[in-house]
Amino acid sequence: MLELDGISKKYDDTVVVHPLTLTLRAAATYAIIGPSGCGKSTLLRLMTGLVTPAAGTVRFEGDVLTKTNALAVRQKIGYVIQDGGLFPHLTAEDNVTLMAQYLGWPAERRTDRLAQLAELTHFPLDGLQRFPVQLSGGQRQRVSLMRALMLDPHLLVLDEPLGALDPMIRSELQAELKEIFASLGKTVVLVTHDMGEAVFFAETVLLLRDGHLVQQGTPQQLLHEPANDFVTQFVRAQRAVSWEAEAL
């Protein structure tokens, strides 16, 4: 599905992602986690072609990602950014269908797809004509997810999509998102700073530190087979009964 071969990224003289190689399987869920500033979001942008690597190549479904084909490839990738990123001057419906309108989808096709997504995300149909400011935080995240799924992407990436929500809404959306991921059968990459969230969602966890991929493995491997002392310290700092039980 997605192959990163020796990719790295730097800004001026600062290396933010050191050379790494990894392969993401189709229909699997991954979580990228690590301390603030470790390169999580930059790695996500490298995967999606939003930034160009300083070295190495990214292959999406066998094709090398380049500036020439990046736009076409990104139409196969759904992206949920931090805080939703909705356009405040557009209704929920217009936010969701924006790219479909740009690509010339007929109105009937857009309407059918919108209804499917509203049902999938449990979004009320009477909320589709509201503007983002008129929606709750949870509803805005549902709209952002619908927008990411509108074109039926092959890959879904989410950059800390639940970080700004209060605990009760976050817990509710976590459960719903997990069901959605399972029903879609797509490759999912989630960036989070919360180990419990990573364990809840992901089959494979990618732990970063200072732009290095420190360990890639199952939650059980990070817990019971840490690659080094940093992994042990990171896991111990976030350890809680809720996620440790998930990893057993």
C-alpha atoms as a PDB file:
ATOM      1  CA  MET A   1       0.000   0.000   0.000  1.00  0.00           C
ATOM      2  CA  LEU A   2       2.580   2.602   1.146  1.00  0.00           C
ATOM      3  CA  GLU A   3       6.363   2.219   1.128  1.00  0.00           C
ATOM      4  CA  LEU A   4       8.874   4.671   2.564  1.00  0.00           C
ATOM      5  CA  ASP A   5      12.406   3.937   1.366  1.00  0.00           C
ATOM      6  CA  GLY A   6      15.170   5.839   3.165  1.00  0.00           C
ATOM      7  CA  ILE A   7      13.138   9.021   3.461  1.00  0.00           C
ATOM      8  CA  SER A   8      14.319  11.981   5.511  1.00  0.00           C
ATOM      9  CA  LYS A   9      13.353  15.624   5.931  1.00  0.00           C
ATOM     10  CA  LYS A  10      15.160  18.725   7.102  1.00  0.00           C
ATOM     11  CA  TYR A  11      14.414  22.423   7.292  1.00  0.00           C
ATOM     12  CA  ASP A  12      17.539  24.523   6.764  1.00  0.00           C
ATOM     13  CA  ASP A  13      20.148  22.684   8.850  1.00  0.00           C
ATOM     14  CA  THR A  14      17.674  21.003  11.195  1.00  0.00           C
ATOM     15  CA  VAL A  15      16.837  17.356  10.496  1.00  0.00           C
ATOM     16  CA  VAL A  16      13.247  16.700  11.581  1.00  0.00           C
ATOM     17  CA  VAL A  17      12.940  13.154  10.195  1.00  0.00           C
ATOM     18  CA  HIS A  18      16.074  11.029   9.998  1.00  0.00           C
ATOM     19  CA  PRO A  19      16.364   8.367   7.266  1.00  0.00           C
ATOM     20  CA  LEU A  20      13.835   5.606   7.786  1.00  0.00           C
ATOM     21  CA  THR A  21      12.341   2.767   5.801  1.00  0.00           C
ATOM     22  CA  LEU A  22       8.997   1.138   6.454  1.00  0.00           C
ATOM     23  CA  THR A  23       6.066  -0.485   4.690  1.00  0.00           C
ATOM     24  CA  LEU A  24       2.405  -0.018   5.566  1.00  0.00           C
ATOM     25  CA  ARG A  25       0.142  -2.933   4.697  1.00  0.00           C
ATOM     26  CA  ALA A  26      -3.268  -2.583   3.104  1.00  0.00           C
ATOM     27  CA  ALA A  27      -6.306  -2.688   5.420  1.00  0.00           C
ATOM     28  CA  ALA A  28      -4.190  -2.244   8.575  1.00  0.00           C
ATOM     29  CA  THR A  29      -4.280   0.465  11.236  1.00  0.00           C
ATOM     30  CA  TYR A  30      -1.115   2.234  12.408  1.00  0.00           C
ATOM     31  CA  ALA A  31      -0.491   4.790  15.142  1.00  0.00           C
ATOM     32  CA  ILE A  32       2.422   7.235  15.081  1.00  0.00           C
ATOM     33  CA  ILE A  33       3.314   8.360  18.594  1.00  0.00           C
ATOM     34  CA  GLY A  34       6.098  10.150  20.408  1.00  0.00           C
ATOM     35  CA  PRO A  35       6.958  13.284  22.408  1.00  0.00           C
ATOM     36  CA  SER A  36       6.046  16.732  21.123  1.00  0.00           C
ATOM     37  CA  GLY A  37       8.321  17.849  18.295  1.00  0.00           C
ATOM     38  CA  CYS A  38       9.523  14.340  17.474  1.00  0.00           C
ATOM     39  CA  GLY A  39       8.442  14.525  13.807  1.00  0.00           C
ATOM     40  CA  LYS A  40       5.042  12.790  13.909  1.00  0.00           C
ATOM     41  CA  SER A  41       3.127  15.286  11.778  1.00  0.00           C
ATOM     42  CA  THR A  42       6.053  15.754   9.398  1.00  0.00           C
ATOM     43  CA  LEU A  43       6.190  11.998   8.801  1.00  0.00           C
ATOM     44  CA  LEU A  44       2.469  12.039   8.067  1.00  0.00           C
ATOM     45  CA  ARG A  45       2.949  14.849   5.540  1.00  0.00           C
ATOM     46  CA  LEU A  46       5.793  12.948   3.877  1.00  0.00           C
ATOM     47  CA  MET A  47       3.506   9.928   3.520  1.00  0.00           C
ATOM     48  CA  THR A  48       0.852  12.004   1.790  1.00  0.00           C
ATOM     49  CA  GLY A  49       3.092  14.097  -0.462  1.00  0.00           C
ATOM     50  CA  LEU A  50       2.325  17.364   1.299  1.00  0.00           C
ATOM     51  CA  VAL A  51       6.061  17.867   1.817  1.00  0.00           C
ATOM     52  CA  THR A  52       8.926  16.569  -0.295  1.00  0.00           C
ATOM     53  CA  PRO A  53      11.571  14.368   1.345  1.00  0.00           C
ATOM     54  CA  ALA A  54      15.163  15.591   1.383  1.00  0.00           C
ATOM     55  CA  ALA A  55      16.195  12.062   0.430  1.00  0.00           C
ATOM     56  CA  GLY A  56      14.532   8.739  -0.308  1.00  0.00           C
ATOM     57  CA  THR A  57      11.303   7.834  -2.056  1.00  0.00           C
ATOM     58  CA  VAL A  58       7.654   7.333  -1.170  1.00  0.00           C
ATOM     59  CA  ARG A  59       5.664   4.761  -3.144  1.00  0.00           C
ATOM     60  CA  PHE A  60       1.891   4.744  -3.011  1.00  0.00           C
ATOM     61  CA  GLU A  61       0.346   1.566  -4.398  1.00  0.00           C
ATOM     62  CA  GLY A  62       3.561   0.884  -6.300  1.00  0.00           C
ATOM     63  CA  ASP A  63       3.967   4.346  -7.865  1.00  0.00           C
ATOM     64  CA  VAL A  64       6.726   6.733  -6.761  1.00  0.00           C
ATOM     65  CA  LEU A  65       5.171   9.884  -5.322  1.00  0.00           C
ATOM     66  CA  THR A  66       6.399  12.957  -7.229  1.00  0.00           C
ATOM     67  CA  LYS A  67       5.412  16.587  -7.622  1.00  0.00           C
ATOM     68  CA  THR A  68       3.819  15.630 -10.933  1.00  0.00           C
ATOM     69  CA  ASN A  69       1.451  12.976  -9.600  1.00  0.00           C
ATOM     70  CA  ALA A  70       1.051  14.199  -6.006  1.00  0.00           C
ATOM     71  CA  LEU A  71      -2.333  15.860  -6.614  1.00  0.00           C
ATOM     72  CA  ALA A  72      -3.804  12.753  -8.260  1.00  0.00           C
ATOM     73  CA  VAL A  73      -2.427  10.532  -5.487  1.00  0.00           C
ATOM     74  CA  ARG A  74      -3.813  12.788  -2.755  1.00  0.00           C
ATOM     75  CA  GLN A  75      -7.289  12.277  -4.177  1.00  0.00           C
ATOM     76  CA  LYS A  76      -6.872   8.661  -3.011  1.00  0.00           C
ATOM     77  CA  ILE A  77      -5.940   9.817   0.505  1.00  0.00           C
ATOM     78  CA  GLY A  78      -8.375  11.140   3.088  1.00  0.00           C
ATOM     79  CA  TYR A  79      -6.794  13.571   5.555  1.00  0.00           C
ATOM     80  CA  VAL A  80      -8.290  14.636   8.889  1.00  0.00           C
ATOM     81  CA  ILE A  81      -6.178  17.454  10.281  1.00  0.00           C
ATOM     82  CA  GLN A  82      -5.903  18.782  13.822  1.00  0.00           C
ATOM     83  CA  ASP A  83      -9.046  20.624  14.990  1.00  0.00           C
ATOM     84  CA  GLY A  84     -10.931  19.542  11.848  1.00  0.00           C
ATOM     85  CA  GLY A  85      -9.808  22.395   9.604  1.00  0.00           C
ATOM     86  CA  LEU A  86     -13.306  23.153   8.303  1.00  0.00           C
ATOM     87  CA  PHE A  87     -13.937  26.246   6.182  1.00  0.00           C
ATOM     88  CA  PRO A  88     -16.011  28.537   8.449  1.00  0.00           C
ATOM     89  CA  HIS A  89     -17.881  30.186   5.547  1.00  0.00           C
ATOM     90  CA  LEU A  90     -19.173  26.866   4.175  1.00  0.00           C
ATOM     91  CA  THR A  91     -21.982  24.723   5.538  1.00  0.00           C
ATOM     92  CA  ALA A  92     -21.245  21.221   6.747  1.00  0.00           C
ATOM     93  CA  GLU A  93     -22.561  19.823   3.466  1.00  0.00           C
ATOM     94  CA  ASP A  94     -20.414  22.137   1.368  1.00  0.00           C
ATOM     95  CA  ASN A  95     -17.331  21.325   3.452  1.00  0.00           C
ATOM     96  CA  VAL A  96     -17.874  17.608   2.902  1.00  0.00           C
ATOM     97  CA  THR A  97     -18.640  17.803  -0.828  1.00  0.00           C
ATOM     98  CA  LEU A  98     -16.114  20.486  -1.787  1.00  0.00           C
ATOM     99  CA  MET A  99     -13.665  18.204  -3.626  1.00  0.00           C
ATOM    100  CA  ALA A 100     -16.454  16.200  -5.233  1.00  0.00           C
ATOM    101  CA  GLN A 101     -17.890  19.442  -6.621  1.00  0.00           C
ATOM    102  CA  TYR A 102     -14.436  20.471  -7.841  1.00  0.00           C
ATOM    103  CA  LEU A 103     -14.054  17.130  -9.623  1.00  0.00           C
ATOM    104  CA  GLY A 104     -17.439  17.525 -11.299  1.00  0.00           C
ATOM    105  CA  TRP A 105     -19.432  14.820  -9.539  1.00  0.00           C
ATOM    106  CA  PRO A 106     -23.135  14.975 -10.519  1.00  0.00           C
ATOM    107  CA  ALA A 107     -25.437  16.331  -7.813  1.00  0.00           C
ATOM    108  CA  GLU A 108     -27.196  12.965  -7.376  1.00  0.00           C
ATOM    109  CA  ARG A 109     -23.903  11.162  -6.784  1.00  0.00           C
ATOM    110  CA  ARG A 110     -22.827  13.770  -4.223  1.00  0.00           C
ATOM    111  CA  THR A 111     -26.164  13.541  -2.424  1.00  0.00           C
ATOM    112  CA  ASP A 112     -26.059   9.745  -2.263  1.00  0.00           C
ATOM    113  CA  ARG A 113     -22.496   9.709  -0.964  1.00  0.00           C
ATOM    114  CA  LEU A 114     -23.270  12.396   1.619  1.00  0.00           C
ATOM    115  CA  ALA A 115     -26.213  10.361   2.944  1.00  0.00           C
ATOM    116  CA  GLN A 116     -23.995   7.260   3.218  1.00  0.00           C
ATOM    117  CA  LEU A 117     -21.362   9.167   5.174  1.00  0.00           C
ATOM    118  CA  ALA A 118     -23.875  10.852   7.477  1.00  0.00           C
ATOM    119  CA  GLU A 119     -25.221   7.412   8.388  1.00  0.00           C
ATOM    120  CA  LEU A 120     -21.716   6.000   8.831  1.00  0.00           C
ATOM    121  CA  THR A 121     -20.607   8.795  11.168  1.00  0.00           C
ATOM    122  CA  HIS A 122     -23.959   9.205  12.969  1.00  0.00           C
ATOM    123  CA  PHE A 123     -24.192  12.824  11.850  1.00  0.00           C
ATOM    124  CA  PRO A 124     -27.726  14.323  11.940  1.00  0.00           C
ATOM    125  CA  LEU A 125     -29.069  15.197   8.495  1.00  0.00           C
ATOM    126  CA  ASP A 126     -30.565  18.444   9.810  1.00  0.00           C
ATOM    127  CA  GLY A 127     -27.053  19.570  10.723  1.00  0.00           C
ATOM    128  CA  LEU A 128     -25.743  19.491   7.155  1.00  0.00           C
ATOM    129  CA  GLN A 129     -26.964  23.027   6.447  1.00  0.00           C
ATOM    130  CA  ARG A 130     -25.311  24.475   9.542  1.00  0.00           C
ATOM    131  CA  PHE A 131     -21.998  26.303   9.564  1.00  0.00           C
ATOM    132  CA  PRO A 132     -19.072  25.002  11.660  1.00  0.00           C
ATOM    133  CA  VAL A 133     -19.615  27.614  14.376  1.00  0.00           C
ATOM    134  CA  GLN A 134     -23.133  26.213  14.850  1.00  0.00           C
ATOM    135  CA  LEU A 135     -21.868  22.668  15.443  1.00  0.00           C
ATOM    136  CA  SER A 136     -20.475  21.019  18.560  1.00  0.00           C
ATOM    137  CA  GLY A 137     -16.841  19.918  18.680  1.00  0.00           C
ATOM    138  CA  GLY A 138     -17.830  16.291  18.129  1.00  0.00           C
ATOM    139  CA  GLN A 139     -20.040  17.210  15.181  1.00  0.00           C
ATOM    140  CA  ARG A 140     -17.242  19.230  13.578  1.00  0.00           C
ATOM    141  CA  GLN A 141     -14.949  16.195  13.821  1.00  0.00           C
ATOM    142  CA  ARG A 142     -17.622  14.049  12.185  1.00  0.00           C
ATOM    143  CA  VAL A 143     -17.867  16.559   9.347  1.00  0.00           C
ATOM    144  CA  SER A 144     -14.093  16.533   8.969  1.00  0.00           C
ATOM    145  CA  LEU A 145     -14.136  12.726   8.815  1.00  0.00           C
ATOM    146  CA  MET A 146     -16.937  12.752   6.233  1.00  0.00           C
ATOM    147  CA  ARG A 147     -14.946  15.194   4.119  1.00  0.00           C
ATOM    148  CA  ALA A 148     -11.892  12.926   4.294  1.00  0.00           C
ATOM    149  CA  LEU A 149     -13.982   9.933   3.218  1.00  0.00           C
ATOM    150  CA  MET A 150     -16.017  11.676   0.503  1.00  0.00           C
ATOM    151  CA  LEU A 151     -13.921  10.422  -2.433  1.00  0.00           C
ATOM    152  CA  ASP A 152     -13.734   6.882  -0.967  1.00  0.00           C
ATOM    153  CA  PRO A 153      -9.944   7.082  -0.405  1.00  0.00           C
ATOM    154  CA  HIS A 154      -7.649   4.064  -0.239  1.00  0.00           C
ATOM    155  CA  LEU A 155      -5.699   5.535   2.687  1.00  0.00           C
ATOM    156  CA  LEU A 156      -7.068   7.505   5.638  1.00  0.00           C
ATOM    157  CA  VAL A 157      -4.699   9.611   7.753  1.00  0.00           C
ATOM    158  CA  LEU A 158      -5.646  11.485  10.908  1.00  0.00           C
ATOM    159  CA  ASP A 159      -3.444  13.998  12.716  1.00  0.00           C
ATOM    160  CA  GLU A 160      -4.495  14.072  16.399  1.00  0.00           C
ATOM    161  CA  PRO A 161      -8.175  14.305  15.413  1.00  0.00           C
ATOM    162  CA  LEU A 162      -9.550  14.021  18.961  1.00  0.00           C
ATOM    163  CA  GLY A 163      -6.999  16.071  20.890  1.00  0.00           C
ATOM    164  CA  ALA A 164      -9.163  19.172  21.350  1.00  0.00           C
ATOM    165  CA  LEU A 165     -12.298  17.372  22.565  1.00  0.00           C
ATOM    166  CA  ASP A 166     -13.429  16.981  26.149  1.00  0.00           C
ATOM    167  CA  PRO A 167     -12.954  13.482  27.647  1.00  0.00           C
ATOM    168  CA  MET A 168     -16.561  12.271  27.336  1.00  0.00           C
ATOM    169  CA  ILE A 169     -16.947  13.273  23.688  1.00  0.00           C
ATOM    170  CA  ARG A 170     -13.472  11.946  22.948  1.00  0.00           C
ATOM    171  CA  SER A 171     -14.307   8.551  24.444  1.00  0.00           C
ATOM    172  CA  GLU A 172     -17.536   8.366  22.457  1.00  0.00           C
ATOM    173  CA  LEU A 173     -15.812   9.273  19.191  1.00  0.00           C
ATOM    174  CA  GLN A 174     -12.961   6.829  19.840  1.00  0.00           C
ATOM    175  CA  ALA A 175     -15.441   3.961  20.004  1.00  0.00           C
ATOM    176  CA  GLU A 176     -17.247   5.160  16.878  1.00  0.00           C
ATOM    177  CA  LEU A 177     -14.019   5.677  14.943  1.00  0.00           C
ATOM    178  CA  LYS A 178     -12.811   2.175  15.766  1.00  0.00           C
ATOM    179  CA  GLU A 179     -16.072   0.742  14.417  1.00  0.00           C
ATOM    180  CA  ILE A 180     -15.774   2.893  11.294  1.00  0.00           C
ATOM    181  CA  PHE A 181     -12.179   1.808  10.660  1.00  0.00           C
ATOM    182  CA  ALA A 182     -13.191  -1.848  10.995  1.00  0.00           C
ATOM    183  CA  SER A 183     -16.175  -1.473   8.659  1.00  0.00           C
ATOM    184  CA  LEU A 184     -14.220   0.394   5.962  1.00  0.00           C
ATOM    185  CA  GLY A 185     -11.327  -2.055   5.715  1.00  0.00           C
ATOM    186  CA  LYS A 186      -8.948   0.730   4.647  1.00  0.00           C
ATOM    187  CA  THR A 187      -5.363   1.467   5.606  1.00  0.00           C
ATOM    188  CA  VAL A 188      -5.458   3.969   8.476  1.00  0.00           C
ATOM    189  CA  VAL A 189      -2.584   6.024   9.929  1.00  0.00           C
ATOM    190  CA  LEU A 190      -3.316   7.952  13.113  1.00  0.00           C
ATOM    191  CA  VAL A 191      -1.019  10.464  14.810  1.00  0.00           C
ATOM    192  CA  THR A 192      -1.563  10.765  18.552  1.00  0.00           C
ATOM    193  CA  HIS A 193       0.348  11.773  21.671  1.00  0.00           C
ATOM    194  CA  ASP A 194      -1.705   9.379  23.802  1.00  0.00           C
ATOM    195  CA  MET A 195      -0.416   5.808  24.208  1.00  0.00           C
ATOM    196  CA  GLY A 196      -3.812   4.610  25.332  1.00  0.00           C
ATOM    197  CA  GLU A 197      -5.364   5.934  22.138  1.00  0.00           C
ATOM    198  CA  ALA A 198      -2.615   4.347  20.033  1.00  0.00           C
ATOM    199  CA  VAL A 199      -3.200   0.964  21.644  1.00  0.00           C
ATOM    200  CA  PHE A 200      -6.983   1.297  21.346  1.00  0.00           C
ATOM    201  CA  PHE A 201      -6.865   1.899  17.594  1.00  0.00           C
ATOM    202  CA  ALA A 202      -3.728   0.398  16.131  1.00  0.00           C
ATOM    203  CA  GLU A 203      -2.379  -3.020  15.274  1.00  0.00           C
ATOM    204  CA  THR A 204       1.084  -1.478  14.817  1.00  0.00           C
ATOM    205  CA  VAL A 205       2.628   1.417  16.753  1.00  0.00           C
ATOM    206  CA  LEU A 206       5.456   3.575  15.359  1.00  0.00           C
ATOM    207  CA  LEU A 207       7.308   5.312  18.190  1.00  0.00           C
ATOM    208  CA  LEU A 208       9.400   8.357  17.219  1.00  0.00           C
ATOM    209  CA  ARG A 209      12.027  10.319  19.122  1.00  0.00           C
ATOM    210  CA  ASP A 210      13.850  13.357  17.744  1.00  0.00           C
ATOM    211  CA  GLY A 211      12.956  12.348  14.188  1.00  0.00           C
ATOM    212  CA  HIS A 212      14.167   8.750  14.592  1.00  0.00           C
ATOM    213  CA  LEU A 213      11.919   5.705  14.359  1.00  0.00           C
ATOM    214  CA  VAL A 214      12.823   4.117  17.691  1.00  0.00           C
ATOM    215  CA  GLN A 215      10.550   1.077  17.527  1.00  0.00           C
ATOM    216  CA  GLN A 216       7.881  -0.351  15.273  1.00  0.00           C
ATOM    217  CA  GLY A 217       5.732  -3.156  16.588  1.00  0.00           C
ATOM    218  CA  THR A 218       2.561  -4.286  18.262  1.00  0.00           C
ATOM    219  CA  PRO A 219       1.509  -2.713  21.562  1.00  0.00           C
ATOM    220  CA  GLN A 220       2.513  -5.978  23.223  1.00  0.00           C
ATOM    221  CA  GLN A 221       6.038  -5.691  21.794  1.00  0.00           C
ATOM    222  CA  LEU A 222       6.479  -2.137  23.019  1.00  0.00           C
ATOM    223  CA  LEU A 223       5.282  -3.181  26.449  1.00  0.00           C
ATOM    224  CA  HIS A 224       7.125  -6.477  26.808  1.00  0.00           C
ATOM    225  CA  GLU A 225      10.011  -6.196  24.302  1.00  0.00           C
ATOM    226  CA  PRO A 226      11.135  -2.541  24.338  1.00  0.00           C
ATOM    227  CA  ALA A 227      13.915  -1.719  21.886  1.00  0.00           C
ATOM    228  CA  ASN A 228      15.783   0.499  24.371  1.00  0.00           C
ATOM    229  CA  ASP A 229      15.477   2.413  27.631  1.00  0.00           C
ATOM    230  CA  PHE A 230      13.616   5.292  25.984  1.00  0.00           C
ATOM    231  CA  VAL A 231      10.781   2.962  24.925  1.00  0.00           C
ATOM    232  CA  THR A 232      10.534   1.643  28.483  1.00  0.00           C
ATOM    233  CA  GLN A 233      10.501   5.158  29.928  1.00  0.00           C
ATOM    234  CA  PHE A 234       7.949   6.422  27.405  1.00  0.00           C
ATOM    235  CA  VAL A 235       5.616   3.490  27.969  1.00  0.00           C
ATOM    236  CA  ARG A 236       6.025   3.680  31.751  1.00  0.00           C
ATOM    237  CA  ALA A 237       5.238   7.411  31.757  1.00  0.00           C
ATOM    238  CA  GLN A 238       1.947   6.795  29.961  1.00  0.00           C
ATOM    239  CA  ARG A 239       1.088   3.460  31.493  1.00  0.00           C
ATOM    240  CA  ALA A 240      -2.478   3.075  32.666  1.00  0.00           C
ATOM    241  CA  VAL A 241      -4.558   0.052  33.472  1.00  0.00           C
ATOM    242  CA  SER A 242      -6.899   0.790  30.557  1.00  0.00           C
ATOM    243  CA  TRP A 243      -4.273   0.538  27.829  1.00  0.00           C
ATOM    244  CA  GLU A 244      -2.023  -2.010  29.510  1.00  0.00           C
ATOM    245  CA  ALA A 245      -4.970  -4.405  29.662  1.00  0.00           C
ATOM    246  CA  GLU A 246      -5.536  -3.845  25.920  1.00  0.00           C
ATOM    247  CA  ALA A 247      -1.956  -4.888  25.229  1.00  0.00           C
ATOM    248  CA  LEU A 248      -2.078  -8.133  27.199  1.00  0.00           C
END
